[in-house]
Amino acid sequence: MTRNIKIIFILISSIILISCGYTRINQNEKLLIHIQNINIIGNKKISYKLKNNILIISNVNAKKKYAIEIQIKKKKQSKIKNTTGKTTRYNLSLSADIILKDINNLKKSNKSFIRNGDYDVANNYSDTVNNENNILKNLIEQLSDDIINFISTSTRK
């Protein structure tokens, strides 16, 4: 008898979990806006990756049209030094000041974002450069997510 109850409980639980109605938050946002122009001032490598990440949410057939201006600043600072004065850890900071302009009614929204990350200095210079590139890649992804969330929340109004 208890075996039948366990089987029924598992079936009911799986049916409830399958039909929970989970959807991504930004799934419908892709169809609502068209980013007509992105002007990014700053590091070209960072600008290229950031622009490609942001354009994912744009749809050419959308009625709402926006222009975006972003100013990016990259700052690398020594964070930890050992007793001989050599740096053993760096802090990499990316900041972005964004202006979102609605082309249809000329409204503007401003926001600033800052993302920080640390990386260690390795024994080989190439390993240190790889550490820096990996943390830079992660910071760009985080900054892209922040900007996309800002755009999607600003355009709902």
N, C-alpha and C. Protein backbone atom coordinates (compact mmCIF):
# COMPACT_ATOMS: atom_id res chain seq x y z
N MET A 1 0.82 -1.20 0.00
CA MET A 1 0.00 0.00 0.00
C MET A 1 0.86 1.26 0.00
N THR A 2 1.91 1.28 0.81
CA THR A 2 2.76 2.47 0.87
C THR A 2 3.51 2.69 -0.44
N ARG A 3 3.79 1.62 -1.16
CA ARG A 3 4.46 1.74 -2.45
C ARG A 3 3.56 2.47 -3.44
N ASN A 4 2.27 2.17 -3.44
CA ASN A 4 1.33 2.84 -4.33
C ASN A 4 1.19 4.32 -3.98
N ILE A 5 1.23 4.63 -2.70
CA ILE A 5 1.13 6.03 -2.27
C ILE A 5 2.37 6.80 -2.72
N LYS A 6 3.55 6.19 -2.63
CA LYS A 6 4.79 6.84 -3.07
C LYS A 6 4.75 7.10 -4.58
N ILE A 7 4.26 6.14 -5.35
CA ILE A 7 4.19 6.31 -6.80
C ILE A 7 3.21 7.42 -7.16
N ILE A 8 2.08 7.45 -6.51
CA ILE A 8 1.08 8.50 -6.76
C ILE A 8 1.65 9.86 -6.36
N PHE A 9 2.35 9.93 -5.24
CA PHE A 9 2.95 11.19 -4.78
C PHE A 9 3.99 11.68 -5.78
N ILE A 10 4.81 10.79 -6.30
CA ILE A 10 5.84 11.17 -7.28
C ILE A 10 5.19 11.66 -8.58
N LEU A 11 4.15 11.00 -9.03
CA LEU A 11 3.45 11.42 -10.24
C LEU A 11 2.80 12.79 -10.08
N ILE A 12 2.14 13.00 -8.98
CA ILE A 12 1.49 14.30 -8.74
C ILE A 12 2.53 15.41 -8.60
N SER A 13 3.62 15.13 -7.89
CA SER A 13 4.68 16.13 -7.73
C SER A 13 5.30 16.50 -9.07
N SER A 14 5.57 15.51 -9.91
CA SER A 14 6.18 15.80 -11.20
C SER A 14 5.23 16.58 -12.10
N ILE A 15 3.94 16.30 -12.05
CA ILE A 15 2.97 17.05 -12.85
C ILE A 15 2.91 18.51 -12.39
N ILE A 16 2.94 18.72 -11.09
CA ILE A 16 2.91 20.09 -10.56
C ILE A 16 4.16 20.85 -10.95
N LEU A 17 5.33 20.21 -10.86
CA LEU A 17 6.58 20.88 -11.20
C LEU A 17 6.71 21.15 -12.69
N ILE A 18 6.20 20.27 -13.51
CA ILE A 18 6.28 20.47 -14.96
C ILE A 18 5.40 21.64 -15.39
N SER A 19 4.29 21.82 -14.77
CA SER A 19 3.37 22.87 -15.18
C SER A 19 3.46 24.11 -14.29
N CYS A 20 4.66 24.42 -13.79
CA CYS A 20 4.78 25.56 -12.88
C CYS A 20 4.68 26.90 -13.60
N GLY A 21 4.89 26.92 -14.92
CA GLY A 21 4.73 28.16 -15.68
C GLY A 21 5.95 29.05 -15.67
N TYR A 22 7.13 28.50 -15.49
CA TYR A 22 8.35 29.29 -15.47
C TYR A 22 8.63 29.86 -16.86
N THR A 23 8.87 31.17 -16.91
CA THR A 23 9.33 31.81 -18.14
C THR A 23 10.41 32.81 -17.78
N ARG A 24 11.29 33.06 -18.70
CA ARG A 24 12.34 34.04 -18.47
C ARG A 24 11.74 35.44 -18.43
N ILE A 25 12.32 36.29 -17.62
CA ILE A 25 11.81 37.65 -17.46
C ILE A 25 11.97 38.44 -18.75
N ASN A 26 13.12 38.34 -19.39
CA ASN A 26 13.40 39.17 -20.56
C ASN A 26 12.94 38.54 -21.86
N GLN A 27 12.23 37.45 -21.81
CA GLN A 27 11.83 36.76 -23.03
C GLN A 27 10.93 37.63 -23.90
N ASN A 28 9.97 38.32 -23.32
CA ASN A 28 9.06 39.15 -24.10
C ASN A 28 9.66 40.50 -24.46
N GLU A 29 10.72 40.90 -23.77
CA GLU A 29 11.33 42.21 -24.02
C GLU A 29 11.99 42.26 -25.39
N LYS A 30 12.41 41.12 -25.92
CA LYS A 30 13.09 41.11 -27.20
C LYS A 30 12.19 41.64 -28.31
N LEU A 31 10.91 41.51 -28.17
CA LEU A 31 9.99 41.90 -29.22
C LEU A 31 9.49 43.34 -29.07
N LEU A 32 9.82 44.00 -27.98
CA LEU A 32 9.22 45.30 -27.69
C LEU A 32 10.05 46.49 -28.14
N ILE A 33 11.36 46.37 -28.27
CA ILE A 33 12.18 47.54 -28.56
C ILE A 33 13.10 47.29 -29.75
N HIS A 34 13.47 48.40 -30.37
CA HIS A 34 14.46 48.37 -31.44
C HIS A 34 15.54 49.39 -31.08
N ILE A 35 16.75 48.91 -30.96
CA ILE A 35 17.87 49.80 -30.67
C ILE A 35 18.42 50.25 -32.02
N GLN A 36 18.13 51.50 -32.32
CA GLN A 36 18.46 52.03 -33.63
C GLN A 36 19.92 52.44 -33.73
N ASN A 37 20.48 52.94 -32.63
CA ASN A 37 21.84 53.44 -32.67
C ASN A 37 22.50 53.23 -31.32
N ILE A 38 23.72 52.68 -31.33
CA ILE A 38 24.52 52.57 -30.11
C ILE A 38 25.83 53.29 -30.36
N ASN A 39 26.11 54.27 -29.53
CA ASN A 39 27.36 55.01 -29.61
C ASN A 39 28.13 54.73 -28.32
N ILE A 40 29.26 54.05 -28.45
CA ILE A 40 30.05 53.68 -27.27
C ILE A 40 31.40 54.37 -27.36
N ILE A 41 31.75 55.08 -26.29
CA ILE A 41 33.03 55.78 -26.21
C ILE A 41 33.88 55.04 -25.19
N GLY A 42 35.09 54.68 -25.59
CA GLY A 42 35.98 53.98 -24.67
C GLY A 42 36.78 52.93 -25.41
N ASN A 43 37.27 51.95 -24.68
CA ASN A 43 38.07 50.87 -25.20
C ASN A 43 37.32 50.14 -26.32
N LYS A 44 37.95 49.98 -27.48
CA LYS A 44 37.27 49.39 -28.65
C LYS A 44 36.93 47.92 -28.44
N LYS A 45 37.80 47.19 -27.78
CA LYS A 45 37.54 45.76 -27.54
C LYS A 45 36.33 45.59 -26.63
N ILE A 46 36.29 46.35 -25.56
CA ILE A 46 35.17 46.29 -24.63
C ILE A 46 33.90 46.77 -25.31
N SER A 47 34.01 47.85 -26.10
CA SER A 47 32.85 48.41 -26.80
C SER A 47 32.24 47.40 -27.76
N TYR A 48 33.06 46.70 -28.49
CA TYR A 48 32.57 45.72 -29.46
C TYR A 48 31.79 44.61 -28.78
N LYS A 49 32.35 44.05 -27.70
CA LYS A 49 31.68 42.96 -26.99
C LYS A 49 30.38 43.45 -26.33
N LEU A 50 30.44 44.63 -25.73
CA LEU A 50 29.27 45.19 -25.06
C LEU A 50 28.14 45.47 -26.06
N LYS A 51 28.51 46.02 -27.20
CA LYS A 51 27.52 46.34 -28.23
C LYS A 51 26.82 45.07 -28.72
N ASN A 52 27.59 44.02 -28.98
CA ASN A 52 27.00 42.77 -29.45
C ASN A 52 26.08 42.15 -28.40
N ASN A 53 26.44 42.24 -27.14
CA ASN A 53 25.59 41.69 -26.08
C ASN A 53 24.29 42.47 -25.94
N ILE A 54 24.35 43.78 -26.10
CA ILE A 54 23.16 44.61 -25.95
C ILE A 54 22.22 44.45 -27.14
N LEU A 55 22.76 44.30 -28.33
CA LEU A 55 21.92 44.21 -29.53
C LEU A 55 21.11 42.92 -29.60
N ILE A 56 21.37 41.98 -28.71
CA ILE A 56 20.61 40.74 -28.68
C ILE A 56 19.14 41.01 -28.38
N ILE A 57 18.84 42.03 -27.57
CA ILE A 57 17.45 42.30 -27.18
C ILE A 57 16.71 43.16 -28.19
N SER A 58 17.38 43.58 -29.24
CA SER A 58 16.76 44.47 -30.22
C SER A 58 16.00 43.69 -31.29
N ASN A 59 14.84 44.25 -31.69
CA ASN A 59 14.03 43.68 -32.76
C ASN A 59 13.71 44.78 -33.75
N VAL A 60 14.04 44.58 -35.00
CA VAL A 60 13.87 45.60 -36.03
C VAL A 60 12.40 45.97 -36.22
N ASN A 61 11.48 45.06 -35.99
CA ASN A 61 10.06 45.30 -36.23
C ASN A 61 9.34 45.96 -35.05
N ALA A 62 10.04 46.28 -33.99
CA ALA A 62 9.40 46.86 -32.81
C ALA A 62 9.01 48.31 -33.07
N LYS A 63 7.98 48.76 -32.36
CA LYS A 63 7.50 50.14 -32.52
C LYS A 63 8.33 51.13 -31.72
N LYS A 64 8.78 50.73 -30.54
CA LYS A 64 9.59 51.61 -29.70
C LYS A 64 11.03 51.60 -30.20
N LYS A 65 11.55 52.79 -30.51
CA LYS A 65 12.91 52.90 -31.04
C LYS A 65 13.75 53.72 -30.07
N TYR A 66 14.97 53.25 -29.83
CA TYR A 66 15.85 53.87 -28.86
C TYR A 66 17.24 54.07 -29.45
N ALA A 67 17.91 55.08 -28.92
CA ALA A 67 19.33 55.32 -29.19
C ALA A 67 20.05 55.27 -27.85
N ILE A 68 21.23 54.72 -27.86
CA ILE A 68 21.98 54.53 -26.61
C ILE A 68 23.36 55.14 -26.76
N GLU A 69 23.76 55.88 -25.74
CA GLU A 69 25.13 56.40 -25.65
C GLU A 69 25.75 55.83 -24.38
N ILE A 70 26.92 55.25 -24.53
CA ILE A 70 27.61 54.64 -23.39
C ILE A 70 29.05 55.14 -23.37
N GLN A 71 29.49 55.55 -22.20
CA GLN A 71 30.89 55.91 -22.02
C GLN A 71 31.50 54.91 -21.05
N ILE A 72 32.55 54.22 -21.51
CA ILE A 72 33.17 53.16 -20.73
C ILE A 72 34.54 53.63 -20.24
N LYS A 73 34.83 53.31 -18.98
CA LYS A 73 36.14 53.60 -18.41
C LYS A 73 36.67 52.32 -17.77
N LYS A 74 37.90 51.98 -18.11
CA LYS A 74 38.57 50.81 -17.55
C LYS A 74 39.70 51.31 -16.66
N LYS A 75 39.76 50.78 -15.44
CA LYS A 75 40.77 51.23 -14.50
C LYS A 75 41.41 50.01 -13.84
N LYS A 76 42.73 49.97 -13.88
CA LYS A 76 43.47 48.86 -13.28
C LYS A 76 44.35 49.42 -12.17
N GLN A 77 44.16 48.88 -10.96
CA GLN A 77 44.92 49.37 -9.81
C GLN A 77 45.60 48.22 -9.10
N SER A 78 46.72 48.52 -8.52
CA SER A 78 47.40 47.54 -7.68
C SER A 78 46.63 47.41 -6.38
N LYS A 79 46.33 46.18 -5.99
CA LYS A 79 45.53 45.98 -4.78
C LYS A 79 46.38 45.48 -3.62
N ILE A 80 47.19 44.46 -3.86
CA ILE A 80 48.01 43.88 -2.80
C ILE A 80 49.46 43.83 -3.27
N LYS A 81 50.37 44.29 -2.40
CA LYS A 81 51.80 44.22 -2.68
C LYS A 81 52.45 43.37 -1.59
N ASN A 82 53.51 42.66 -2.00
CA ASN A 82 54.24 41.87 -0.99
C ASN A 82 55.29 42.74 -0.31
N THR A 83 56.12 42.13 0.53
CA THR A 83 57.09 42.91 1.32
C THR A 83 58.17 43.56 0.46
N THR A 84 58.43 43.01 -0.73
CA THR A 84 59.45 43.61 -1.60
C THR A 84 58.89 44.72 -2.48
N GLY A 85 57.59 44.94 -2.43
CA GLY A 85 56.97 46.01 -3.20
C GLY A 85 56.39 45.58 -4.53
N LYS A 86 56.44 44.28 -4.82
CA LYS A 86 55.86 43.78 -6.07
C LYS A 86 54.37 43.55 -5.88
N THR A 87 53.62 43.87 -6.90
CA THR A 87 52.18 43.68 -6.86
C THR A 87 51.86 42.20 -7.04
N THR A 88 51.01 41.67 -6.17
CA THR A 88 50.59 40.27 -6.27
C THR A 88 49.13 40.13 -6.67
N ARG A 89 48.37 41.21 -6.59
CA ARG A 89 46.96 41.17 -6.97
C ARG A 89 46.55 42.55 -7.51
N TYR A 90 45.81 42.51 -8.61
CA TYR A 90 45.29 43.74 -9.21
C TYR A 90 43.78 43.78 -9.09
N ASN A 91 43.26 45.00 -9.08
CA ASN A 91 41.81 45.22 -9.12
C ASN A 91 41.49 45.87 -10.45
N LEU A 92 40.57 45.26 -11.17
CA LEU A 92 40.14 45.79 -12.46
C LEU A 92 38.72 46.32 -12.30
N SER A 93 38.50 47.55 -12.73
CA SER A 93 37.20 48.19 -12.57
C SER A 93 36.70 48.67 -13.92
N LEU A 94 35.45 48.33 -14.24
CA LEU A 94 34.79 48.83 -15.44
C LEU A 94 33.61 49.68 -15.02
N SER A 95 33.55 50.89 -15.55
CA SER A 95 32.40 51.74 -15.26
C SER A 95 31.78 52.17 -16.59
N ALA A 96 30.46 52.25 -16.58
CA ALA A 96 29.73 52.64 -17.79
C ALA A 96 28.66 53.65 -17.40
N ASP A 97 28.66 54.77 -18.09
CA ASP A 97 27.62 55.78 -17.95
C ASP A 97 26.75 55.67 -19.20
N ILE A 98 25.46 55.39 -19.00
CA ILE A 98 24.57 55.13 -20.12
C ILE A 98 23.48 56.19 -20.19
N ILE A 99 23.18 56.61 -21.41
CA ILE A 99 22.06 57.52 -21.68
C ILE A 99 21.16 56.80 -22.68
N LEU A 100 19.94 56.53 -22.27
CA LEU A 100 18.95 55.86 -23.12
C LEU A 100 17.96 56.90 -23.61
N LYS A 101 17.90 57.07 -24.94
CA LYS A 101 17.02 58.08 -25.53
C LYS A 101 15.90 57.39 -26.30
N ASP A 102 14.67 57.77 -25.98
CA ASP A 102 13.52 57.30 -26.73
C ASP A 102 13.38 58.20 -27.95
N ILE A 103 13.50 57.65 -29.13
CA ILE A 103 13.49 58.45 -30.36
C ILE A 103 12.09 59.00 -30.64
N ASN A 104 11.06 58.27 -30.28
CA ASN A 104 9.69 58.70 -30.59
C ASN A 104 9.26 59.93 -29.79
N ASN A 105 9.52 59.95 -28.47
CA ASN A 105 9.07 61.09 -27.66
C ASN A 105 10.21 61.84 -26.99
N LEU A 106 11.44 61.56 -27.36
CA LEU A 106 12.64 62.28 -26.93
C LEU A 106 12.87 62.28 -25.42
N LYS A 107 12.42 61.25 -24.72
CA LYS A 107 12.71 61.12 -23.29
C LYS A 107 14.08 60.48 -23.11
N LYS A 108 14.76 60.90 -22.03
CA LYS A 108 16.09 60.38 -21.73
C LYS A 108 16.11 59.74 -20.34
N SER A 109 16.89 58.69 -20.21
CA SER A 109 17.13 58.05 -18.93
C SER A 109 18.63 57.87 -18.77
N ASN A 110 19.15 58.20 -17.59
CA ASN A 110 20.58 58.08 -17.31
C ASN A 110 20.82 57.08 -16.21
N LYS A 111 21.94 56.40 -16.27
CA LYS A 111 22.32 55.46 -15.21
C LYS A 111 23.81 55.19 -15.32
N SER A 112 24.44 54.95 -14.17
CA SER A 112 25.85 54.58 -14.12
C SER A 112 25.98 53.19 -13.52
N PHE A 113 26.90 52.42 -14.06
CA PHE A 113 27.17 51.08 -13.57
C PHE A 113 28.65 50.92 -13.31
N ILE A 114 28.99 50.21 -12.25
CA ILE A 114 30.38 49.92 -11.93
C ILE A 114 30.49 48.45 -11.57
N ARG A 115 31.47 47.79 -12.15
CA ARG A 115 31.76 46.39 -11.83
C ARG A 115 33.25 46.26 -11.54
N ASN A 116 33.59 45.53 -10.48
CA ASN A 116 34.97 45.34 -10.07
C ASN A 116 35.30 43.87 -10.02
N GLY A 117 36.57 43.56 -10.24
CA GLY A 117 37.06 42.20 -10.11
C GLY A 117 38.54 42.19 -9.82
N ASP A 118 38.99 41.17 -9.13
CA ASP A 118 40.40 41.03 -8.78
C ASP A 118 41.00 39.84 -9.52
N TYR A 119 42.28 39.95 -9.82
CA TYR A 119 43.01 38.81 -10.38
C TYR A 119 44.43 38.80 -9.84
N ASP A 120 44.97 37.60 -9.77
CA ASP A 120 46.31 37.41 -9.21
C ASP A 120 47.37 37.53 -10.29
N VAL A 121 48.56 37.96 -9.86
CA VAL A 121 49.71 37.99 -10.74
C VAL A 121 50.33 36.60 -10.69
N ALA A 122 50.52 36.01 -11.86
CA ALA A 122 51.09 34.66 -11.95
C ALA A 122 52.61 34.75 -12.13
N ASN A 123 53.25 33.60 -12.11
CA ASN A 123 54.70 33.55 -12.31
C ASN A 123 55.08 33.93 -13.73
N ASN A 124 54.26 33.54 -14.69
CA ASN A 124 54.50 33.88 -16.10
C ASN A 124 53.64 35.08 -16.49
N TYR A 125 54.21 35.93 -17.33
CA TYR A 125 53.48 37.10 -17.78
C TYR A 125 52.24 36.70 -18.58
N SER A 126 52.36 35.67 -19.40
CA SER A 126 51.22 35.24 -20.21
C SER A 126 50.07 34.74 -19.34
N ASP A 127 50.39 34.10 -18.23
CA ASP A 127 49.33 33.66 -17.31
C ASP A 127 48.65 34.85 -16.64
N THR A 128 49.42 35.88 -16.34
CA THR A 128 48.85 37.10 -15.77
C THR A 128 47.92 37.78 -16.77
N VAL A 129 48.33 37.83 -18.03
CA VAL A 129 47.50 38.41 -19.08
C VAL A 129 46.23 37.59 -19.25
N ASN A 130 46.33 36.26 -19.19
CA ASN A 130 45.15 35.40 -19.28
C ASN A 130 44.21 35.64 -18.11
N ASN A 131 44.76 35.81 -16.91
CA ASN A 131 43.93 36.12 -15.74
C ASN A 131 43.19 37.43 -15.93
N GLU A 132 43.90 38.43 -16.45
CA GLU A 132 43.28 39.74 -16.69
C GLU A 132 42.19 39.64 -17.75
N ASN A 133 42.45 38.90 -18.83
CA ASN A 133 41.45 38.75 -19.89
C ASN A 133 40.22 38.00 -19.40
N ASN A 134 40.41 36.99 -18.56
CA ASN A 134 39.27 36.25 -18.01
C ASN A 134 38.40 37.12 -17.12
N ILE A 135 39.02 37.91 -16.26
CA ILE A 135 38.23 38.78 -15.37
C ILE A 135 37.56 39.88 -16.19
N LEU A 136 38.23 40.37 -17.23
CA LEU A 136 37.64 41.39 -18.10
C LEU A 136 36.42 40.83 -18.83
N LYS A 137 36.52 39.61 -19.31
CA LYS A 137 35.39 38.96 -19.97
C LYS A 137 34.20 38.83 -19.03
N ASN A 138 34.45 38.41 -17.78
CA ASN A 138 33.38 38.29 -16.78
C ASN A 138 32.75 39.64 -16.46
N LEU A 139 33.58 40.68 -16.34
CA LEU A 139 33.06 42.02 -16.03
C LEU A 139 32.21 42.56 -17.18
N ILE A 140 32.61 42.29 -18.41
CA ILE A 140 31.82 42.73 -19.57
C ILE A 140 30.47 42.04 -19.57
N GLU A 141 30.44 40.75 -19.28
CA GLU A 141 29.17 40.02 -19.22
C GLU A 141 28.27 40.58 -18.13
N GLN A 142 28.82 40.85 -16.95
CA GLN A 142 28.03 41.39 -15.85
C GLN A 142 27.52 42.78 -16.19
N LEU A 143 28.36 43.60 -16.80
CA LEU A 143 27.97 44.95 -17.19
C LEU A 143 26.89 44.90 -18.27
N SER A 144 27.01 43.97 -19.21
CA SER A 144 25.99 43.80 -20.24
C SER A 144 24.65 43.42 -19.63
N ASP A 145 24.67 42.50 -18.68
CA ASP A 145 23.44 42.10 -18.01
C ASP A 145 22.81 43.27 -17.27
N ASP A 146 23.64 44.06 -16.59
CA ASP A 146 23.12 45.23 -15.88
C ASP A 146 22.46 46.22 -16.85
N ILE A 147 23.11 46.47 -17.97
CA ILE A 147 22.59 47.43 -18.94
C ILE A 147 21.31 46.91 -19.58
N ILE A 148 21.27 45.62 -19.90
CA ILE A 148 20.07 45.04 -20.51
C ILE A 148 18.90 45.10 -19.53
N ASN A 149 19.17 44.83 -18.26
CA ASN A 149 18.10 44.93 -17.25
C ASN A 149 17.61 46.37 -17.12
N PHE A 150 18.53 47.34 -17.17
CA PHE A 150 18.14 48.74 -17.11
C PHE A 150 17.29 49.13 -18.31
N ILE A 151 17.69 48.69 -19.49
CA ILE A 151 16.94 49.01 -20.72
C ILE A 151 15.55 48.39 -20.65
N SER A 152 15.47 47.13 -20.23
CA SER A 152 14.17 46.47 -20.21
C SER A 152 13.25 47.07 -19.17
N THR A 153 13.77 47.50 -18.03
CA THR A 153 12.90 48.13 -17.02
C THR A 153 12.54 49.55 -17.42
N SER A 154 13.42 50.26 -18.10
CA SER A 154 13.13 51.63 -18.52
C SER A 154 12.11 51.67 -19.64
N THR A 155 12.10 50.67 -20.49
CA THR A 155 11.19 50.68 -21.64
C THR A 155 9.79 50.19 -21.30
N ARG A 156 9.59 49.60 -20.14
CA ARG A 156 8.25 49.15 -19.74
C ARG A 156 7.33 50.27 -19.36
N LYS A 157 7.87 51.40 -19.00
CA LYS A 157 7.07 52.51 -18.48
C LYS A 157 6.16 53.08 -19.52
